[in-house]
Amino acid sequence: MSKLSFAAIAVVVAFSGVALAQSADPRGACKADYDKFCAGIAPGGGKIVACLNAKRDQLSATCKAALDSRKK
């Protein structure tokens, strides 16, 4: 395998890992949605998750998937 092919595969695997990590981690996956809809909510006691769930119809698909993964 050439060095270029190996490098290309490594880059694809690295970026797919980042995308997977963001979708599994609500903090990363929902940051933009939190900033847009729940910025005034102080963390603690599940208040942020409750706020995001209350705005669920307006959230990004990535954030919805991350919130769903928390329920499992």
N, C-alpha and C. Protein backbone atom coordinates (compact mmCIF):
# COMPACT_ATOMS: atom_id res chain seq x y z
N MET A 1 0.86 -1.17 0.00
CA MET A 1 0.00 0.00 0.00
C MET A 1 0.91 1.24 0.00
N SER A 2 0.59 2.17 -0.84
CA SER A 2 1.43 3.37 -0.91
C SER A 2 1.21 4.25 0.31
N LYS A 3 2.18 5.09 0.57
CA LYS A 3 2.07 6.00 1.72
C LYS A 3 0.89 6.94 1.57
N LEU A 4 0.62 7.37 0.34
CA LEU A 4 -0.51 8.28 0.09
C LEU A 4 -1.84 7.59 0.40
N SER A 5 -1.99 6.35 -0.03
CA SER A 5 -3.23 5.61 0.26
C SER A 5 -3.41 5.42 1.75
N PHE A 6 -2.33 5.05 2.43
CA PHE A 6 -2.40 4.86 3.87
C PHE A 6 -2.78 6.17 4.57
N ALA A 7 -2.20 7.28 4.13
CA ALA A 7 -2.50 8.59 4.74
C ALA A 7 -3.97 8.95 4.50
N ALA A 8 -4.48 8.69 3.32
CA ALA A 8 -5.87 9.01 3.01
C ALA A 8 -6.82 8.19 3.88
N ILE A 9 -6.51 6.91 4.04
CA ILE A 9 -7.34 6.05 4.88
C ILE A 9 -7.29 6.53 6.33
N ALA A 10 -6.11 6.89 6.80
CA ALA A 10 -5.96 7.36 8.17
C ALA A 10 -6.78 8.62 8.42
N VAL A 11 -6.80 9.53 7.45
CA VAL A 11 -7.57 10.77 7.60
C VAL A 11 -9.06 10.47 7.65
N VAL A 12 -9.54 9.59 6.78
CA VAL A 12 -10.95 9.24 6.75
C VAL A 12 -11.37 8.59 8.08
N VAL A 13 -10.55 7.68 8.57
CA VAL A 13 -10.87 7.01 9.84
C VAL A 13 -10.87 8.01 10.98
N ALA A 14 -9.90 8.92 10.99
CA ALA A 14 -9.84 9.91 12.06
C ALA A 14 -11.06 10.81 12.07
N PHE A 15 -11.48 11.29 10.91
CA PHE A 15 -12.63 12.17 10.85
C PHE A 15 -13.93 11.44 11.16
N SER A 16 -14.05 10.18 10.77
CA SER A 16 -15.26 9.44 11.10
C SER A 16 -15.33 9.21 12.60
N GLY A 17 -14.20 9.03 13.25
CA GLY A 17 -14.17 8.89 14.70
C GLY A 17 -14.62 10.15 15.40
N VAL A 18 -14.22 11.30 14.88
CA VAL A 18 -14.64 12.58 15.45
C VAL A 18 -16.15 12.74 15.32
N ALA A 19 -16.69 12.42 14.17
CA ALA A 19 -18.13 12.54 13.95
C ALA A 19 -18.89 11.61 14.88
N LEU A 20 -18.39 10.40 15.04
CA LEU A 20 -19.04 9.46 15.94
C LEU A 20 -18.98 9.95 17.38
N ALA A 21 -17.83 10.47 17.77
CA ALA A 21 -17.69 10.97 19.14
C ALA A 21 -18.65 12.12 19.40
N GLN A 22 -18.81 13.00 18.42
CA GLN A 22 -19.71 14.13 18.61
C GLN A 22 -21.15 13.67 18.70
N SER A 23 -21.52 12.66 17.91
CA SER A 23 -22.90 12.22 17.96
C SER A 23 -23.19 11.46 19.25
N ALA A 24 -22.18 10.82 19.83
CA ALA A 24 -22.39 10.08 21.07
C ALA A 24 -22.29 10.98 22.30
N ASP A 25 -21.63 12.10 22.18
CA ASP A 25 -21.42 13.00 23.32
C ASP A 25 -22.34 14.20 23.17
N PRO A 26 -23.39 14.29 23.97
CA PRO A 26 -24.32 15.41 23.83
C PRO A 26 -23.67 16.78 23.98
N ARG A 27 -22.61 16.88 24.79
CA ARG A 27 -21.97 18.19 24.96
C ARG A 27 -21.41 18.70 23.65
N GLY A 28 -20.79 17.84 22.87
CA GLY A 28 -20.24 18.26 21.58
C GLY A 28 -21.31 18.37 20.52
N ALA A 29 -22.20 17.39 20.50
CA ALA A 29 -23.22 17.34 19.45
C ALA A 29 -24.28 18.42 19.61
N CYS A 30 -24.50 18.88 20.84
CA CYS A 30 -25.58 19.84 21.10
C CYS A 30 -25.09 21.24 21.43
N LYS A 31 -23.81 21.50 21.31
CA LYS A 31 -23.28 22.80 21.71
C LYS A 31 -23.97 23.95 20.98
N ALA A 32 -24.08 23.84 19.66
CA ALA A 32 -24.72 24.93 18.89
C ALA A 32 -26.19 25.09 19.29
N ASP A 33 -26.87 23.96 19.50
CA ASP A 33 -28.28 24.03 19.91
C ASP A 33 -28.41 24.61 21.31
N TYR A 34 -27.51 24.23 22.21
CA TYR A 34 -27.51 24.81 23.55
C TYR A 34 -27.30 26.32 23.47
N ASP A 35 -26.30 26.74 22.70
CA ASP A 35 -26.02 28.18 22.57
C ASP A 35 -27.22 28.93 22.00
N LYS A 36 -27.95 28.30 21.11
CA LYS A 36 -29.07 28.96 20.46
C LYS A 36 -30.34 28.98 21.32
N PHE A 37 -30.63 27.86 22.01
CA PHE A 37 -31.91 27.73 22.68
C PHE A 37 -31.86 27.74 24.20
N CYS A 38 -30.72 27.40 24.79
CA CYS A 38 -30.69 27.19 26.24
C CYS A 38 -29.51 27.88 26.93
N ALA A 39 -28.95 28.91 26.32
CA ALA A 39 -27.74 29.55 26.85
C ALA A 39 -27.92 30.10 28.26
N GLY A 40 -29.11 30.49 28.63
CA GLY A 40 -29.33 31.07 29.95
C GLY A 40 -29.55 30.04 31.05
N ILE A 41 -29.53 28.77 30.69
CA ILE A 41 -29.79 27.70 31.66
C ILE A 41 -28.49 27.30 32.34
N ALA A 42 -28.48 27.34 33.66
CA ALA A 42 -27.29 26.92 34.42
C ALA A 42 -27.25 25.40 34.50
N PRO A 43 -26.05 24.81 34.37
CA PRO A 43 -25.95 23.36 34.44
C PRO A 43 -26.28 22.83 35.84
N GLY A 44 -26.71 21.58 35.85
CA GLY A 44 -27.00 20.91 37.11
C GLY A 44 -28.43 20.41 37.18
N GLY A 45 -28.59 19.22 37.70
CA GLY A 45 -29.92 18.68 37.89
C GLY A 45 -30.66 18.32 36.62
N GLY A 46 -29.96 18.18 35.51
CA GLY A 46 -30.61 17.81 34.25
C GLY A 46 -31.35 18.94 33.58
N LYS A 47 -31.11 20.18 34.03
CA LYS A 47 -31.85 21.33 33.47
C LYS A 47 -31.54 21.57 32.00
N ILE A 48 -30.28 21.37 31.61
CA ILE A 48 -29.92 21.60 30.21
C ILE A 48 -30.57 20.55 29.32
N VAL A 49 -30.51 19.30 29.73
CA VAL A 49 -31.15 18.23 28.94
C VAL A 49 -32.65 18.49 28.85
N ALA A 50 -33.26 18.91 29.94
CA ALA A 50 -34.69 19.22 29.92
C ALA A 50 -35.00 20.36 28.96
N CYS A 51 -34.15 21.38 28.96
CA CYS A 51 -34.34 22.51 28.05
C CYS A 51 -34.24 22.04 26.59
N LEU A 52 -33.20 21.26 26.31
CA LEU A 52 -33.01 20.76 24.94
C LEU A 52 -34.18 19.88 24.53
N ASN A 53 -34.65 19.03 25.42
CA ASN A 53 -35.80 18.18 25.09
C ASN A 53 -37.06 19.01 24.85
N ALA A 54 -37.20 20.11 25.56
CA ALA A 54 -38.35 20.98 25.36
C ALA A 54 -38.32 21.65 23.98
N LYS A 55 -37.14 21.82 23.44
CA LYS A 55 -36.97 22.44 22.12
C LYS A 55 -36.68 21.40 21.04
N ARG A 56 -36.97 20.15 21.33
CA ARG A 56 -36.57 19.02 20.49
C ARG A 56 -36.92 19.20 19.01
N ASP A 57 -38.07 19.74 18.72
CA ASP A 57 -38.48 19.90 17.32
C ASP A 57 -37.61 20.90 16.56
N GLN A 58 -36.84 21.71 17.27
CA GLN A 58 -35.98 22.72 16.64
C GLN A 58 -34.50 22.31 16.63
N LEU A 59 -34.15 21.18 17.26
CA LEU A 59 -32.76 20.78 17.39
C LEU A 59 -32.22 20.16 16.11
N SER A 60 -30.90 20.17 15.99
CA SER A 60 -30.25 19.51 14.87
C SER A 60 -30.40 18.00 15.01
N ALA A 61 -30.30 17.31 13.89
CA ALA A 61 -30.42 15.85 13.91
C ALA A 61 -29.31 15.22 14.75
N THR A 62 -28.12 15.80 14.72
CA THR A 62 -27.00 15.28 15.50
C THR A 62 -27.28 15.38 16.99
N CYS A 63 -27.83 16.48 17.41
CA CYS A 63 -28.16 16.67 18.82
C CYS A 63 -29.27 15.71 19.24
N LYS A 64 -30.29 15.57 18.42
CA LYS A 64 -31.37 14.63 18.75
C LYS A 64 -30.82 13.22 18.93
N ALA A 65 -29.92 12.80 18.03
CA ALA A 65 -29.34 11.46 18.11
C ALA A 65 -28.53 11.31 19.41
N ALA A 66 -27.79 12.34 19.77
CA ALA A 66 -27.00 12.29 21.00
C ALA A 66 -27.89 12.21 22.23
N LEU A 67 -28.97 12.95 22.23
CA LEU A 67 -29.91 12.89 23.36
C LEU A 67 -30.57 11.51 23.43
N ASP A 68 -30.90 10.94 22.27
CA ASP A 68 -31.48 9.61 22.25
C ASP A 68 -30.51 8.56 22.77
N SER A 69 -29.22 8.73 22.47
CA SER A 69 -28.22 7.76 22.92
C SER A 69 -28.06 7.78 24.44
N ARG A 70 -28.42 8.87 25.09
CA ARG A 70 -28.36 8.96 26.55
C ARG A 70 -29.43 8.09 27.20
N LYS A 71 -30.50 7.85 26.50
CA LYS A 71 -31.64 7.11 27.05
C LYS A 71 -31.38 5.61 27.09
N LYS A 72 -30.39 5.13 26.37
CA LYS A 72 -30.13 3.68 26.28
C LYS A 72 -29.33 3.18 27.44
